Amino acid sequence: MQFTYDPRYNIAYIRFQEKGPEVEAIRVSDELVVDIAPDGTIYGIELLNANEQVRRDDAGELIVINEATGKRFELSLT
């Protein structure tokens, strides 16, 4: 999985796997687009207006938590 952010366009992308040739972009809302294959496989999630979405309650940090082990990793997005 890969998380990328482009400050020029204020877009973040969470990629689960490389896109295949038949991926469809489904606009879920004004701020969310999901890339999905015909078989239902999700390739990625695009966050438009990303600053507002990822900085709401966590003071600009990306927090990754392994629910099985309880390990936590924090990355500042500021």
N, C-alpha and C. Protein backbone atom coordinates (compact mmCIF):
# COMPACT_ATOMS: atom_id res chain seq x y z
N MET A 1 0.85 -1.16 0.00
CA MET A 1 0.00 0.00 0.00
C MET A 1 0.90 1.23 0.00
N GLN A 2 0.45 2.27 -0.67
CA GLN A 2 1.24 3.50 -0.77
C GLN A 2 0.31 4.69 -0.58
N PHE A 3 0.76 5.67 0.19
CA PHE A 3 0.03 6.91 0.39
C PHE A 3 0.85 8.03 -0.23
N THR A 4 0.27 8.77 -1.17
CA THR A 4 0.98 9.89 -1.79
C THR A 4 0.14 11.16 -1.63
N TYR A 5 0.83 12.30 -1.64
CA TYR A 5 0.15 13.60 -1.54
C TYR A 5 0.81 14.56 -2.51
N ASP A 6 0.01 15.28 -3.28
CA ASP A 6 0.51 16.28 -4.22
C ASP A 6 0.01 17.65 -3.75
N PRO A 7 0.89 18.45 -3.12
CA PRO A 7 0.46 19.75 -2.60
C PRO A 7 0.08 20.75 -3.69
N ARG A 8 0.57 20.54 -4.92
CA ARG A 8 0.22 21.46 -6.00
C ARG A 8 -1.28 21.43 -6.30
N TYR A 9 -1.87 20.25 -6.18
CA TYR A 9 -3.29 20.09 -6.49
C TYR A 9 -4.11 19.72 -5.25
N ASN A 10 -3.44 19.57 -4.11
CA ASN A 10 -4.09 19.22 -2.85
C ASN A 10 -4.87 17.91 -2.97
N ILE A 11 -4.20 16.90 -3.54
CA ILE A 11 -4.81 15.59 -3.75
C ILE A 11 -3.94 14.52 -3.08
N ALA A 12 -4.59 13.63 -2.35
CA ALA A 12 -3.91 12.49 -1.75
C ALA A 12 -4.45 11.22 -2.41
N TYR A 13 -3.60 10.19 -2.48
CA TYR A 13 -4.01 8.94 -3.10
C TYR A 13 -3.51 7.77 -2.26
N ILE A 14 -4.43 6.88 -1.94
CA ILE A 14 -4.08 5.65 -1.23
C ILE A 14 -4.15 4.53 -2.26
N ARG A 15 -2.99 3.98 -2.61
CA ARG A 15 -2.94 2.93 -3.63
C ARG A 15 -2.75 1.58 -2.98
N PHE A 16 -3.66 0.66 -3.28
CA PHE A 16 -3.59 -0.69 -2.74
C PHE A 16 -2.82 -1.61 -3.67
N GLN A 17 -2.90 -1.35 -4.98
CA GLN A 17 -2.16 -2.12 -5.98
C GLN A 17 -2.12 -1.33 -7.28
N GLU A 18 -1.26 -1.74 -8.21
CA GLU A 18 -1.14 -1.06 -9.49
C GLU A 18 -2.45 -1.17 -10.26
N LYS A 19 -2.79 -0.08 -10.96
CA LYS A 19 -4.03 -0.08 -11.74
C LYS A 19 -3.91 -1.01 -12.94
N GLY A 20 -5.00 -1.72 -13.20
CA GLY A 20 -5.09 -2.55 -14.39
C GLY A 20 -5.65 -1.73 -15.55
N PRO A 21 -5.76 -2.35 -16.70
CA PRO A 21 -6.20 -1.61 -17.89
C PRO A 21 -7.68 -1.23 -17.88
N GLU A 22 -8.49 -1.88 -17.07
CA GLU A 22 -9.93 -1.63 -17.10
C GLU A 22 -10.44 -1.03 -15.79
N VAL A 23 -9.70 -0.13 -15.23
CA VAL A 23 -10.11 0.49 -13.97
C VAL A 23 -11.08 1.63 -14.25
N GLU A 24 -12.15 1.68 -13.45
CA GLU A 24 -13.14 2.74 -13.56
C GLU A 24 -13.03 3.64 -12.33
N ALA A 25 -13.04 4.94 -12.55
CA ALA A 25 -13.01 5.90 -11.45
C ALA A 25 -14.45 6.25 -11.10
N ILE A 26 -14.85 5.95 -9.88
CA ILE A 26 -16.20 6.23 -9.42
C ILE A 26 -16.15 7.39 -8.43
N ARG A 27 -16.81 8.48 -8.78
CA ARG A 27 -16.84 9.65 -7.90
C ARG A 27 -17.92 9.43 -6.85
N VAL A 28 -17.50 9.22 -5.62
CA VAL A 28 -18.43 8.94 -4.52
C VAL A 28 -19.01 10.24 -3.97
N SER A 29 -18.18 11.27 -3.92
CA SER A 29 -18.61 12.58 -3.44
C SER A 29 -17.72 13.64 -4.09
N ASP A 30 -17.91 14.90 -3.70
CA ASP A 30 -17.07 15.97 -4.23
C ASP A 30 -15.61 15.82 -3.81
N GLU A 31 -15.36 15.02 -2.78
CA GLU A 31 -14.01 14.91 -2.25
C GLU A 31 -13.44 13.49 -2.27
N LEU A 32 -14.15 12.54 -2.90
CA LEU A 32 -13.70 11.15 -2.85
C LEU A 32 -13.96 10.43 -4.18
N VAL A 33 -12.89 9.82 -4.73
CA VAL A 33 -12.98 9.03 -5.96
C VAL A 33 -12.36 7.67 -5.67
N VAL A 34 -13.06 6.60 -6.07
CA VAL A 34 -12.56 5.25 -5.85
C VAL A 34 -12.28 4.62 -7.22
N ASP A 35 -11.07 4.10 -7.40
CA ASP A 35 -10.69 3.38 -8.63
C ASP A 35 -10.98 1.90 -8.41
N ILE A 36 -11.84 1.34 -9.27
CA ILE A 36 -12.31 -0.03 -9.07
C ILE A 36 -12.31 -0.78 -10.40
N ALA A 37 -11.99 -2.09 -10.35
CA ALA A 37 -11.99 -2.95 -11.53
C ALA A 37 -13.37 -3.57 -11.71
N PRO A 38 -13.67 -4.11 -12.89
CA PRO A 38 -14.96 -4.75 -13.12
C PRO A 38 -15.29 -5.87 -12.14
N ASP A 39 -14.26 -6.54 -11.60
CA ASP A 39 -14.51 -7.64 -10.66
C ASP A 39 -14.71 -7.15 -9.21
N GLY A 40 -14.68 -5.83 -9.01
CA GLY A 40 -14.89 -5.27 -7.68
C GLY A 40 -13.62 -4.98 -6.92
N THR A 41 -12.47 -5.30 -7.48
CA THR A 41 -11.19 -5.03 -6.83
C THR A 41 -10.96 -3.52 -6.75
N ILE A 42 -10.66 -3.04 -5.55
CA ILE A 42 -10.36 -1.62 -5.39
C ILE A 42 -8.87 -1.40 -5.54
N TYR A 43 -8.51 -0.52 -6.47
CA TYR A 43 -7.10 -0.23 -6.72
C TYR A 43 -6.60 0.93 -5.89
N GLY A 44 -7.47 1.92 -5.68
CA GLY A 44 -7.04 3.07 -4.91
C GLY A 44 -8.18 4.00 -4.57
N ILE A 45 -7.88 4.91 -3.66
CA ILE A 45 -8.84 5.91 -3.22
C ILE A 45 -8.17 7.27 -3.33
N GLU A 46 -8.82 8.19 -4.04
CA GLU A 46 -8.29 9.53 -4.24
C GLU A 46 -9.06 10.51 -3.36
N LEU A 47 -8.33 11.28 -2.58
CA LEU A 47 -8.93 12.28 -1.70
C LEU A 47 -8.69 13.65 -2.29
N LEU A 48 -9.75 14.29 -2.77
CA LEU A 48 -9.67 15.65 -3.29
C LEU A 48 -9.82 16.60 -2.11
N ASN A 49 -9.22 17.78 -2.19
CA ASN A 49 -9.21 18.70 -1.05
C ASN A 49 -8.63 17.97 0.16
N ALA A 50 -7.52 17.31 -0.05
CA ALA A 50 -6.92 16.40 0.93
C ALA A 50 -6.56 17.07 2.25
N ASN A 51 -6.08 18.31 2.21
CA ASN A 51 -5.70 18.97 3.47
C ASN A 51 -6.84 18.96 4.47
N GLU A 52 -8.02 19.26 4.02
CA GLU A 52 -9.17 19.28 4.91
C GLU A 52 -9.51 17.88 5.42
N GLN A 53 -9.36 16.88 4.59
CA GLN A 53 -9.74 15.53 4.99
C GLN A 53 -8.74 14.87 5.93
N VAL A 54 -7.45 15.05 5.71
CA VAL A 54 -6.47 14.36 6.55
C VAL A 54 -6.04 15.15 7.78
N ARG A 55 -6.41 16.40 7.87
CA ARG A 55 -5.99 17.22 9.01
C ARG A 55 -7.14 17.59 9.94
N ARG A 56 -8.25 16.97 9.86
CA ARG A 56 -9.42 17.38 10.64
C ARG A 56 -9.21 17.30 12.14
N ASP A 57 -8.95 16.12 12.66
CA ASP A 57 -8.89 15.95 14.12
C ASP A 57 -7.53 15.55 14.65
N ASP A 58 -6.55 15.38 13.78
CA ASP A 58 -5.29 14.81 14.25
C ASP A 58 -4.10 15.76 14.13
N ALA A 59 -4.36 17.04 13.98
CA ALA A 59 -3.29 18.05 13.94
C ALA A 59 -2.27 17.79 12.85
N GLY A 60 -2.70 17.24 11.71
CA GLY A 60 -1.82 17.06 10.58
C GLY A 60 -0.92 15.85 10.64
N GLU A 61 -1.38 14.75 11.22
CA GLU A 61 -0.58 13.54 11.29
C GLU A 61 -1.30 12.38 10.62
N LEU A 62 -0.52 11.55 9.95
CA LEU A 62 -1.03 10.28 9.44
C LEU A 62 -0.68 9.25 10.50
N ILE A 63 -1.68 8.57 11.01
CA ILE A 63 -1.47 7.58 12.07
C ILE A 63 -1.83 6.21 11.53
N VAL A 64 -0.87 5.29 11.58
CA VAL A 64 -1.09 3.92 11.13
C VAL A 64 -1.02 3.03 12.36
N ILE A 65 -2.08 2.23 12.57
CA ILE A 65 -2.14 1.36 13.74
C ILE A 65 -2.34 -0.08 13.28
N ASN A 66 -1.47 -0.97 13.74
CA ASN A 66 -1.64 -2.39 13.50
C ASN A 66 -2.55 -2.91 14.59
N GLU A 67 -3.80 -3.21 14.24
CA GLU A 67 -4.78 -3.63 15.24
C GLU A 67 -4.41 -4.97 15.90
N ALA A 68 -3.68 -5.81 15.20
CA ALA A 68 -3.30 -7.12 15.75
C ALA A 68 -2.22 -6.99 16.83
N THR A 69 -1.26 -6.09 16.60
CA THR A 69 -0.14 -5.96 17.55
C THR A 69 -0.24 -4.73 18.44
N GLY A 70 -1.06 -3.77 18.04
CA GLY A 70 -1.16 -2.53 18.80
C GLY A 70 -0.06 -1.54 18.48
N LYS A 71 0.85 -1.90 17.57
CA LYS A 71 1.93 -0.98 17.20
C LYS A 71 1.35 0.21 16.44
N ARG A 72 1.94 1.37 16.69
CA ARG A 72 1.45 2.63 16.13
C ARG A 72 2.60 3.38 15.49
N PHE A 73 2.34 3.97 14.32
CA PHE A 73 3.32 4.76 13.61
C PHE A 73 2.68 6.09 13.25
N GLU A 74 3.36 7.19 13.55
CA GLU A 74 2.82 8.52 13.25
C GLU A 74 3.77 9.26 12.32
N LEU A 75 3.17 9.94 11.33
CA LEU A 75 3.94 10.72 10.36
C LEU A 75 3.29 12.08 10.23
N SER A 76 4.06 13.13 10.45
CA SER A 76 3.55 14.50 10.35
C SER A 76 3.30 14.85 8.89
N LEU A 77 2.17 15.44 8.59
CA LEU A 77 1.84 15.86 7.23
C LEU A 77 1.99 17.35 7.04
N THR A 78 2.54 18.03 8.03
CA THR A 78 2.69 19.48 7.94
C THR A 78 4.03 19.85 7.39
